[in-house]
Amino acid sequence: MIERFECRICDFAEDYPNDDSPTKCPNCGSKWYLLRFITKPRVKANPVTIGYADSPRYSVTLGVSETQIEEAKRLHPQCEWKRFGHSYRPLIKNRAEKKKMMKQVDYEEYDPKDFKGRG
C-alpha cells in the first residue's frame, strides 16, 4: 500500500511506499496534513508555482487605495508595498504569508471545487 502525504499549509505532496510517510511536513514542518492510501504511485507532474510556496508576487486582492496606504503600512509593517496606478499592492513572499495576511484582514480563500456558480 502507498500513502499519499499532502500538506495543508504549503501544498507539499509526496507518495511514500511501505508506511514510511512522515508525521510532519518535510517542506515546512507543519503537522497539519492529509494522509491517503492509494494503490499505485502517481506520475510526478511539473506543478505550477504561481500561488504556491516561495513564489513572490504582488497581491491585487490584498491591495489598498492610496488613501489607505498609511494605515496598511502600520498594520502590516513586515510587507513591502508597491504602487500600481492609484493603488498599492503588498509583496506576498509565499503561501503561508498570504494565508496569514488574509486571516488578519478577515478574508477567506474559496475552494474552486466547492464553487457552484450561477445556473
C-alpha atoms as a PDB file:
ATOM      1  CA  MET A   1       0.000   0.000   0.000  1.00  0.00           C
ATOM      2  CA  ILE A   2       1.229   3.501  -0.810  1.00  0.00           C
ATOM      3  CA  GLU A   3       0.497   6.529   1.360  1.00  0.00           C
ATOM      4  CA  ARG A   4      -0.094   9.944  -0.248  1.00  0.00           C
ATOM      5  CA  PHE A   5       1.102  12.744   2.084  1.00  0.00           C
ATOM      6  CA  GLU A   6      -0.428  16.185   1.345  1.00  0.00           C
ATOM      7  CA  CYS A   7       0.461  19.233   3.475  1.00  0.00           C
ATOM      8  CA  ARG A   8      -2.427  21.652   4.052  1.00  0.00           C
ATOM      9  CA  ILE A   9      -0.134  24.633   4.696  1.00  0.00           C
ATOM     10  CA  CYS A  10       2.461  24.665   1.896  1.00  0.00           C
ATOM     11  CA  ASP A  11       0.809  22.311  -0.659  1.00  0.00           C
ATOM     12  CA  PHE A  12       3.666  19.787  -0.490  1.00  0.00           C
ATOM     13  CA  ALA A  13       2.575  16.369  -1.802  1.00  0.00           C
ATOM     14  CA  GLU A  14       4.545  13.132  -1.993  1.00  0.00           C
ATOM     15  CA  ASP A  15       3.898   9.383  -2.235  1.00  0.00           C
ATOM     16  CA  TYR A  16       5.538   7.077   0.329  1.00  0.00           C
ATOM     17  CA  PRO A  17       5.676   3.273  -0.030  1.00  0.00           C
ATOM     18  CA  ASN A  18       5.607   0.773   2.847  1.00  0.00           C
ATOM     19  CA  ASP A  19       4.163   3.060   5.560  1.00  0.00           C
ATOM     20  CA  ASP A  20       7.226   5.339   5.537  1.00  0.00           C
ATOM     21  CA  SER A  21       5.242   8.593   5.456  1.00  0.00           C
ATOM     22  CA  PRO A  22       6.411  11.400   7.776  1.00  0.00           C
ATOM     23  CA  THR A  23       4.463  12.700  10.784  1.00  0.00           C
ATOM     24  CA  LYS A  24       5.103  16.314   9.796  1.00  0.00           C
ATOM     25  CA  CYS A  25       5.684  18.095   6.501  1.00  0.00           C
ATOM     26  CA  PRO A  26       9.279  17.716   5.208  1.00  0.00           C
ATOM     27  CA  ASN A  27       8.918  21.077   3.433  1.00  0.00           C
ATOM     28  CA  CYS A  28       7.508  23.421   6.116  1.00  0.00           C
ATOM     29  CA  GLY A  29       7.389  21.324   9.304  1.00  0.00           C
ATOM     30  CA  SER A  30       3.618  21.640   9.743  1.00  0.00           C
ATOM     31  CA  LYS A  31       1.694  18.859  11.446  1.00  0.00           C
ATOM     32  CA  TRP A  32      -1.483  19.717   9.536  1.00  0.00           C
ATOM     33  CA  TYR A  33      -1.628  17.199   6.706  1.00  0.00           C
ATOM     34  CA  LEU A  34      -3.871  14.764   4.890  1.00  0.00           C
ATOM     35  CA  LEU A  35      -2.854  11.124   4.512  1.00  0.00           C
ATOM     36  CA  ARG A  36      -4.483   8.966   1.852  1.00  0.00           C
ATOM     37  CA  PHE A  37      -3.934   5.384   0.850  1.00  0.00           C
ATOM     38  CA  ILE A  38      -3.533   4.684  -2.866  1.00  0.00           C
ATOM     39  CA  THR A  39      -2.806   1.545  -4.831  1.00  0.00           C
ATOM     40  CA  LYS A  40      -0.147   2.874  -7.187  1.00  0.00           C
ATOM     41  CA  PRO A  41       2.071   5.970  -7.248  1.00  0.00           C
ATOM     42  CA  ARG A  42       1.031   8.915  -9.345  1.00  0.00           C
ATOM     43  CA  VAL A  43       3.254  10.265 -12.061  1.00  0.00           C
ATOM     44  CA  LYS A  44       5.065  13.278 -10.719  1.00  0.00           C
ATOM     45  CA  ALA A  45       3.902  16.295 -12.711  1.00  0.00           C
ATOM     46  CA  ASN A  46       5.599  19.643 -13.033  1.00  0.00           C
ATOM     47  CA  PRO A  47       3.481  21.764 -10.685  1.00  0.00           C
ATOM     48  CA  VAL A  48       2.554  25.357 -11.401  1.00  0.00           C
ATOM     49  CA  THR A  49       4.443  27.536  -8.945  1.00  0.00           C
ATOM     50  CA  ILE A  50       2.184  30.589  -9.033  1.00  0.00           C
ATOM     51  CA  GLY A  51       0.375  30.813  -5.720  1.00  0.00           C
ATOM     52  CA  TYR A  52       2.473  28.160  -4.041  1.00  0.00           C
ATOM     53  CA  ALA A  53       5.486  28.090  -1.770  1.00  0.00           C
ATOM     54  CA  ASP A  54       8.290  30.547  -2.495  1.00  0.00           C
ATOM     55  CA  SER A  55       6.720  32.331  -5.459  1.00  0.00           C
ATOM     56  CA  PRO A  56       6.774  36.057  -4.596  1.00  0.00           C
ATOM     57  CA  ARG A  57       4.067  38.159  -6.217  1.00  0.00           C
ATOM     58  CA  TYR A  58       2.126  41.378  -5.682  1.00  0.00           C
ATOM     59  CA  SER A  59      -1.408  40.692  -4.464  1.00  0.00           C
ATOM     60  CA  VAL A  60      -4.250  42.548  -6.185  1.00  0.00           C
ATOM     61  CA  THR A  61      -6.865  41.319  -3.711  1.00  0.00           C
ATOM     62  CA  LEU A  62      -4.935  42.462  -0.640  1.00  0.00           C
ATOM     63  CA  GLY A  63      -4.108  45.819  -2.227  1.00  0.00           C
ATOM     64  CA  VAL A  64      -5.328  49.150  -0.871  1.00  0.00           C
ATOM     65  CA  SER A  65      -6.091  52.568  -2.334  1.00  0.00           C
ATOM     66  CA  GLU A  66      -3.657  55.444  -1.946  1.00  0.00           C
ATOM     67  CA  THR A  67      -5.831  56.938   0.818  1.00  0.00           C
ATOM     68  CA  GLN A  68      -5.455  53.742   2.903  1.00  0.00           C
ATOM     69  CA  ILE A  69      -1.737  53.071   2.462  1.00  0.00           C
ATOM     70  CA  GLU A  70      -0.571  54.684   5.732  1.00  0.00           C
ATOM     71  CA  GLU A  71      -2.938  52.518   7.785  1.00  0.00           C
ATOM     72  CA  ALA A  72      -1.977  49.409   5.786  1.00  0.00           C
ATOM     73  CA  LYS A  73       1.739  50.048   6.400  1.00  0.00           C
ATOM     74  CA  ARG A  74       1.018  50.473  10.108  1.00  0.00           C
ATOM     75  CA  LEU A  75      -0.999  47.226  10.265  1.00  0.00           C
ATOM     76  CA  HIS A  76       1.457  45.221   8.123  1.00  0.00           C
ATOM     77  CA  PRO A  77       4.956  46.632   8.744  1.00  0.00           C
ATOM     78  CA  GLN A  78       6.599  43.413   7.505  1.00  0.00           C
ATOM     79  CA  CYS A  79       5.198  43.875   3.966  1.00  0.00           C
ATOM     80  CA  GLU A  80       6.809  45.701   1.111  1.00  0.00           C
ATOM     81  CA  TRP A  81       4.218  47.812  -0.754  1.00  0.00           C
ATOM     82  CA  LYS A  82       4.465  48.863  -4.404  1.00  0.00           C
ATOM     83  CA  ARG A  83       2.403  51.461  -6.212  1.00  0.00           C
ATOM     84  CA  PHE A  84       0.314  50.353  -9.215  1.00  0.00           C
ATOM     85  CA  GLY A  85      -1.598  53.337 -10.617  1.00  0.00           C
ATOM     86  CA  HIS A  86      -3.807  54.683  -7.804  1.00  0.00           C
ATOM     87  CA  SER A  87      -3.427  51.627  -5.584  1.00  0.00           C
ATOM     88  CA  TYR A  88      -0.722  49.882  -3.573  1.00  0.00           C
ATOM     89  CA  ARG A  89      -0.169  46.118  -3.517  1.00  0.00           C
ATOM     90  CA  PRO A  90       1.739  44.081  -0.911  1.00  0.00           C
ATOM     91  CA  LEU A  91       4.546  41.745  -1.904  1.00  0.00           C
ATOM     92  CA  ILE A  92       3.498  38.253  -0.792  1.00  0.00           C
ATOM     93  CA  LYS A  93       6.565  36.012  -0.450  1.00  0.00           C
ATOM     94  CA  ASN A  94       4.872  32.607  -0.118  1.00  0.00           C
ATOM     95  CA  ARG A  95       1.569  30.855   0.526  1.00  0.00           C
ATOM     96  CA  ALA A  96       1.958  30.786   4.314  1.00  0.00           C
ATOM     97  CA  GLU A  97       2.455  34.576   4.398  1.00  0.00           C
ATOM     98  CA  LYS A  98      -0.569  35.024   2.105  1.00  0.00           C
ATOM     99  CA  LYS A  99      -2.774  32.932   4.402  1.00  0.00           C
ATOM    100  CA  LYS A 100      -1.549  34.843   7.467  1.00  0.00           C
ATOM    101  CA  MET A 101      -2.264  38.228   5.885  1.00  0.00           C
ATOM    102  CA  MET A 102      -5.671  37.091   4.626  1.00  0.00           C
ATOM    103  CA  LYS A 103      -6.592  35.975   8.148  1.00  0.00           C
ATOM    104  CA  GLN A 104      -5.545  39.368   9.541  1.00  0.00           C
ATOM    105  CA  VAL A 105      -7.961  41.185   7.195  1.00  0.00           C
ATOM    106  CA  ASP A 106     -10.692  38.524   7.634  1.00  0.00           C
ATOM    107  CA  TYR A 107     -10.584  37.235   4.037  1.00  0.00           C
ATOM    108  CA  GLU A 108     -11.280  33.622   3.083  1.00  0.00           C
ATOM    109  CA  GLU A 109      -9.868  31.653   0.169  1.00  0.00           C
ATOM    110  CA  TYR A 110     -12.582  29.634  -1.507  1.00  0.00           C
ATOM    111  CA  ASP A 111     -12.053  26.176  -2.919  1.00  0.00           C
ATOM    112  CA  PRO A 112     -12.965  26.114  -6.644  1.00  0.00           C
ATOM    113  CA  LYS A 113     -14.365  22.578  -6.212  1.00  0.00           C
ATOM    114  CA  ASP A 114     -16.991  23.957  -3.800  1.00  0.00           C
ATOM    115  CA  PHE A 115     -17.970  26.854  -6.060  1.00  0.00           C
ATOM    116  CA  LYS A 116     -21.221  26.084  -7.830  1.00  0.00           C
ATOM    117  CA  GLY A 117     -21.592  29.379  -9.698  1.00  0.00           C
ATOM    118  CA  ARG A 118     -24.822  30.610 -11.182  1.00  0.00           C
ATOM    119  CA  GLY A 119     -27.126  28.408 -13.113  1.00  0.00           C
END
